[in-house]
Amino acid sequence: MIFKVLYQDLASEVPVRENTHSLYIEASNERDVRFKLKDRGINIEFIQTLAGEHLAYEQQSEDFSLETV
């Protein structure tokens, strides 16, 4: 499955909408996503599963790039 992860660059940073970044990652579940990203030192705000039409919409974005971890 493909997940969209919304995060802040620093784990100590307070979530502010204007500073939120996103990345796309393939994993088996949300727990696996957190495990794969634990060494990056980022503050994960939200993890969203992408499937069907939502995934197709996100793939049309120029920012869509699947991370390999």
N, C-alpha and C. Protein backbone atom coordinates (compact mmCIF):
# COMPACT_ATOMS: atom_id res chain seq x y z
N MET A 1 0.83 -1.17 0.00
CA MET A 1 0.00 0.00 0.00
C MET A 1 0.89 1.24 0.00
N ILE A 2 0.32 2.32 -0.48
CA ILE A 2 1.04 3.59 -0.50
C ILE A 2 0.43 4.52 0.53
N PHE A 3 1.32 5.18 1.28
CA PHE A 3 0.89 6.08 2.34
C PHE A 3 1.42 7.48 2.08
N LYS A 4 0.64 8.48 2.46
CA LYS A 4 1.08 9.87 2.43
C LYS A 4 1.36 10.26 3.87
N VAL A 5 2.57 10.76 4.12
CA VAL A 5 2.98 11.14 5.47
C VAL A 5 3.15 12.65 5.52
N LEU A 6 2.42 13.28 6.43
CA LEU A 6 2.56 14.72 6.67
C LEU A 6 3.45 14.89 7.89
N TYR A 7 4.48 15.73 7.79
CA TYR A 7 5.46 15.82 8.86
C TYR A 7 6.09 17.21 8.95
N GLN A 8 6.73 17.46 10.09
CA GLN A 8 7.57 18.64 10.32
C GLN A 8 9.02 18.17 10.25
N ASP A 9 9.92 19.05 9.84
CA ASP A 9 11.33 18.67 9.69
C ASP A 9 12.00 18.26 10.99
N LEU A 10 11.63 18.89 12.10
CA LEU A 10 12.26 18.61 13.38
C LEU A 10 11.26 17.99 14.34
N ALA A 11 11.68 16.96 15.07
CA ALA A 11 10.79 16.30 16.02
C ALA A 11 10.36 17.24 17.14
N SER A 12 11.19 18.23 17.45
CA SER A 12 10.87 19.16 18.53
C SER A 12 10.02 20.34 18.06
N GLU A 13 9.78 20.43 16.76
CA GLU A 13 9.05 21.54 16.17
C GLU A 13 7.54 21.39 16.40
N VAL A 14 6.91 22.49 16.77
CA VAL A 14 5.47 22.50 16.94
C VAL A 14 4.83 22.49 15.55
N PRO A 15 3.82 21.64 15.33
CA PRO A 15 3.20 21.59 14.01
C PRO A 15 2.57 22.92 13.60
N VAL A 16 3.02 23.45 12.48
CA VAL A 16 2.48 24.67 11.89
C VAL A 16 2.17 24.34 10.44
N ARG A 17 0.96 24.62 10.03
CA ARG A 17 0.52 24.23 8.69
C ARG A 17 1.48 24.67 7.59
N GLU A 18 2.00 25.88 7.68
CA GLU A 18 2.89 26.41 6.64
C GLU A 18 4.22 25.67 6.57
N ASN A 19 4.59 24.97 7.64
CA ASN A 19 5.86 24.24 7.66
C ASN A 19 5.70 22.74 7.45
N THR A 20 4.50 22.31 7.18
CA THR A 20 4.24 20.89 7.00
C THR A 20 4.68 20.43 5.62
N HIS A 21 5.38 19.32 5.58
CA HIS A 21 5.84 18.71 4.33
C HIS A 21 5.15 17.36 4.18
N SER A 22 5.22 16.82 2.98
CA SER A 22 4.63 15.50 2.77
C SER A 22 5.59 14.62 1.98
N LEU A 23 5.46 13.34 2.21
CA LEU A 23 6.21 12.36 1.44
C LEU A 23 5.32 11.14 1.24
N TYR A 24 5.65 10.37 0.24
CA TYR A 24 4.88 9.18 -0.11
C TYR A 24 5.79 7.98 0.07
N ILE A 25 5.26 6.96 0.70
CA ILE A 25 6.08 5.79 1.01
C ILE A 25 5.24 4.52 0.84
N GLU A 26 5.87 3.48 0.38
CA GLU A 26 5.19 2.19 0.24
C GLU A 26 5.54 1.33 1.44
N ALA A 27 4.50 0.78 2.06
CA ALA A 27 4.68 -0.06 3.25
C ALA A 27 3.45 -0.97 3.39
N SER A 28 3.55 -1.94 4.29
CA SER A 28 2.44 -2.86 4.48
C SER A 28 1.35 -2.30 5.39
N ASN A 29 1.75 -1.43 6.35
CA ASN A 29 0.76 -0.82 7.25
C ASN A 29 1.37 0.44 7.88
N GLU A 30 0.57 1.15 8.70
CA GLU A 30 1.03 2.40 9.31
C GLU A 30 2.20 2.17 10.26
N ARG A 31 2.18 1.08 10.96
CA ARG A 31 3.27 0.75 11.88
C ARG A 31 4.59 0.59 11.13
N ASP A 32 4.53 -0.04 9.97
CA ASP A 32 5.71 -0.23 9.13
C ASP A 32 6.24 1.12 8.64
N VAL A 33 5.35 2.04 8.31
CA VAL A 33 5.75 3.39 7.89
C VAL A 33 6.53 4.06 9.01
N ARG A 34 5.98 4.03 10.23
CA ARG A 34 6.66 4.66 11.37
C ARG A 34 8.02 4.01 11.63
N PHE A 35 8.10 2.69 11.49
CA PHE A 35 9.36 1.98 11.68
C PHE A 35 10.40 2.42 10.65
N LYS A 36 9.98 2.56 9.40
CA LYS A 36 10.91 2.94 8.33
C LYS A 36 11.40 4.38 8.47
N LEU A 37 10.60 5.25 9.10
CA LEU A 37 10.95 6.66 9.21
C LEU A 37 11.51 7.05 10.57
N LYS A 38 11.66 6.12 11.49
CA LYS A 38 12.04 6.46 12.86
C LYS A 38 13.43 7.09 12.97
N ASP A 39 14.34 6.79 12.06
CA ASP A 39 15.70 7.31 12.13
C ASP A 39 15.86 8.70 11.52
N ARG A 40 14.82 9.25 10.93
CA ARG A 40 14.92 10.55 10.26
C ARG A 40 14.80 11.74 11.20
N GLY A 41 14.29 11.54 12.40
CA GLY A 41 14.16 12.65 13.35
C GLY A 41 13.10 13.66 12.97
N ILE A 42 12.05 13.21 12.32
CA ILE A 42 10.97 14.10 11.91
C ILE A 42 9.78 13.94 12.85
N ASN A 43 8.92 14.94 12.88
CA ASN A 43 7.70 14.90 13.68
C ASN A 43 6.55 14.52 12.76
N ILE A 44 6.12 13.28 12.82
CA ILE A 44 5.04 12.80 11.96
C ILE A 44 3.71 13.30 12.52
N GLU A 45 2.99 14.06 11.70
CA GLU A 45 1.68 14.58 12.10
C GLU A 45 0.57 13.60 11.77
N PHE A 46 0.61 13.06 10.55
CA PHE A 46 -0.51 12.26 10.08
C PHE A 46 -0.04 11.30 9.00
N ILE A 47 -0.58 10.10 9.02
CA ILE A 47 -0.28 9.10 7.98
C ILE A 47 -1.61 8.70 7.35
N GLN A 48 -1.69 8.86 6.04
CA GLN A 48 -2.93 8.60 5.32
C GLN A 48 -2.72 7.52 4.27
N THR A 49 -3.61 6.54 4.25
CA THR A 49 -3.57 5.49 3.23
C THR A 49 -4.12 6.04 1.92
N LEU A 50 -3.42 5.78 0.83
CA LEU A 50 -3.88 6.22 -0.48
C LEU A 50 -4.27 5.01 -1.31
N ALA A 51 -5.47 5.08 -1.89
CA ALA A 51 -5.94 3.99 -2.74
C ALA A 51 -6.98 4.54 -3.71
N GLY A 52 -7.18 3.82 -4.78
CA GLY A 52 -8.22 4.15 -5.74
C GLY A 52 -8.07 5.53 -6.36
N GLU A 53 -9.18 6.28 -6.39
CA GLU A 53 -9.19 7.59 -7.03
C GLU A 53 -8.30 8.60 -6.30
N HIS A 54 -8.22 8.47 -4.98
CA HIS A 54 -7.37 9.38 -4.21
C HIS A 54 -5.90 9.19 -4.60
N LEU A 55 -5.47 7.96 -4.75
CA LEU A 55 -4.10 7.67 -5.17
C LEU A 55 -3.86 8.22 -6.58
N ALA A 56 -4.81 8.02 -7.48
CA ALA A 56 -4.67 8.52 -8.85
C ALA A 56 -4.55 10.05 -8.86
N TYR A 57 -5.31 10.71 -8.01
CA TYR A 57 -5.24 12.17 -7.91
C TYR A 57 -3.87 12.61 -7.41
N GLU A 58 -3.38 11.98 -6.36
CA GLU A 58 -2.07 12.34 -5.81
C GLU A 58 -0.95 12.08 -6.82
N GLN A 59 -1.06 11.03 -7.61
CA GLN A 59 -0.03 10.69 -8.60
C GLN A 59 0.05 11.74 -9.71
N GLN A 60 -1.02 12.49 -9.93
CA GLN A 60 -1.01 13.55 -10.94
C GLN A 60 -0.22 14.77 -10.50
N SER A 61 0.02 14.90 -9.19
CA SER A 61 0.75 16.03 -8.65
C SER A 61 2.21 15.96 -9.06
N GLU A 62 2.80 17.12 -9.33
CA GLU A 62 4.22 17.15 -9.69
C GLU A 62 5.12 16.84 -8.50
N ASP A 63 4.56 16.92 -7.28
CA ASP A 63 5.33 16.63 -6.06
C ASP A 63 5.32 15.14 -5.71
N PHE A 64 4.57 14.33 -6.44
CA PHE A 64 4.46 12.91 -6.11
C PHE A 64 5.77 12.21 -6.48
N SER A 65 6.40 11.66 -5.46
CA SER A 65 7.61 10.87 -5.63
C SER A 65 7.63 9.82 -4.55
N LEU A 66 7.62 8.58 -4.92
CA LEU A 66 7.58 7.48 -3.96
C LEU A 66 8.96 7.27 -3.35
N GLU A 67 9.03 7.40 -2.02
CA GLU A 67 10.29 7.21 -1.28
C GLU A 67 10.65 5.74 -1.23
N THR A 68 11.93 5.45 -1.34
CA THR A 68 12.41 4.08 -1.15
C THR A 68 13.20 4.05 0.15
N VAL A 69 12.69 3.28 1.10
CA VAL A 69 13.33 3.19 2.42
C VAL A 69 13.72 1.76 2.68
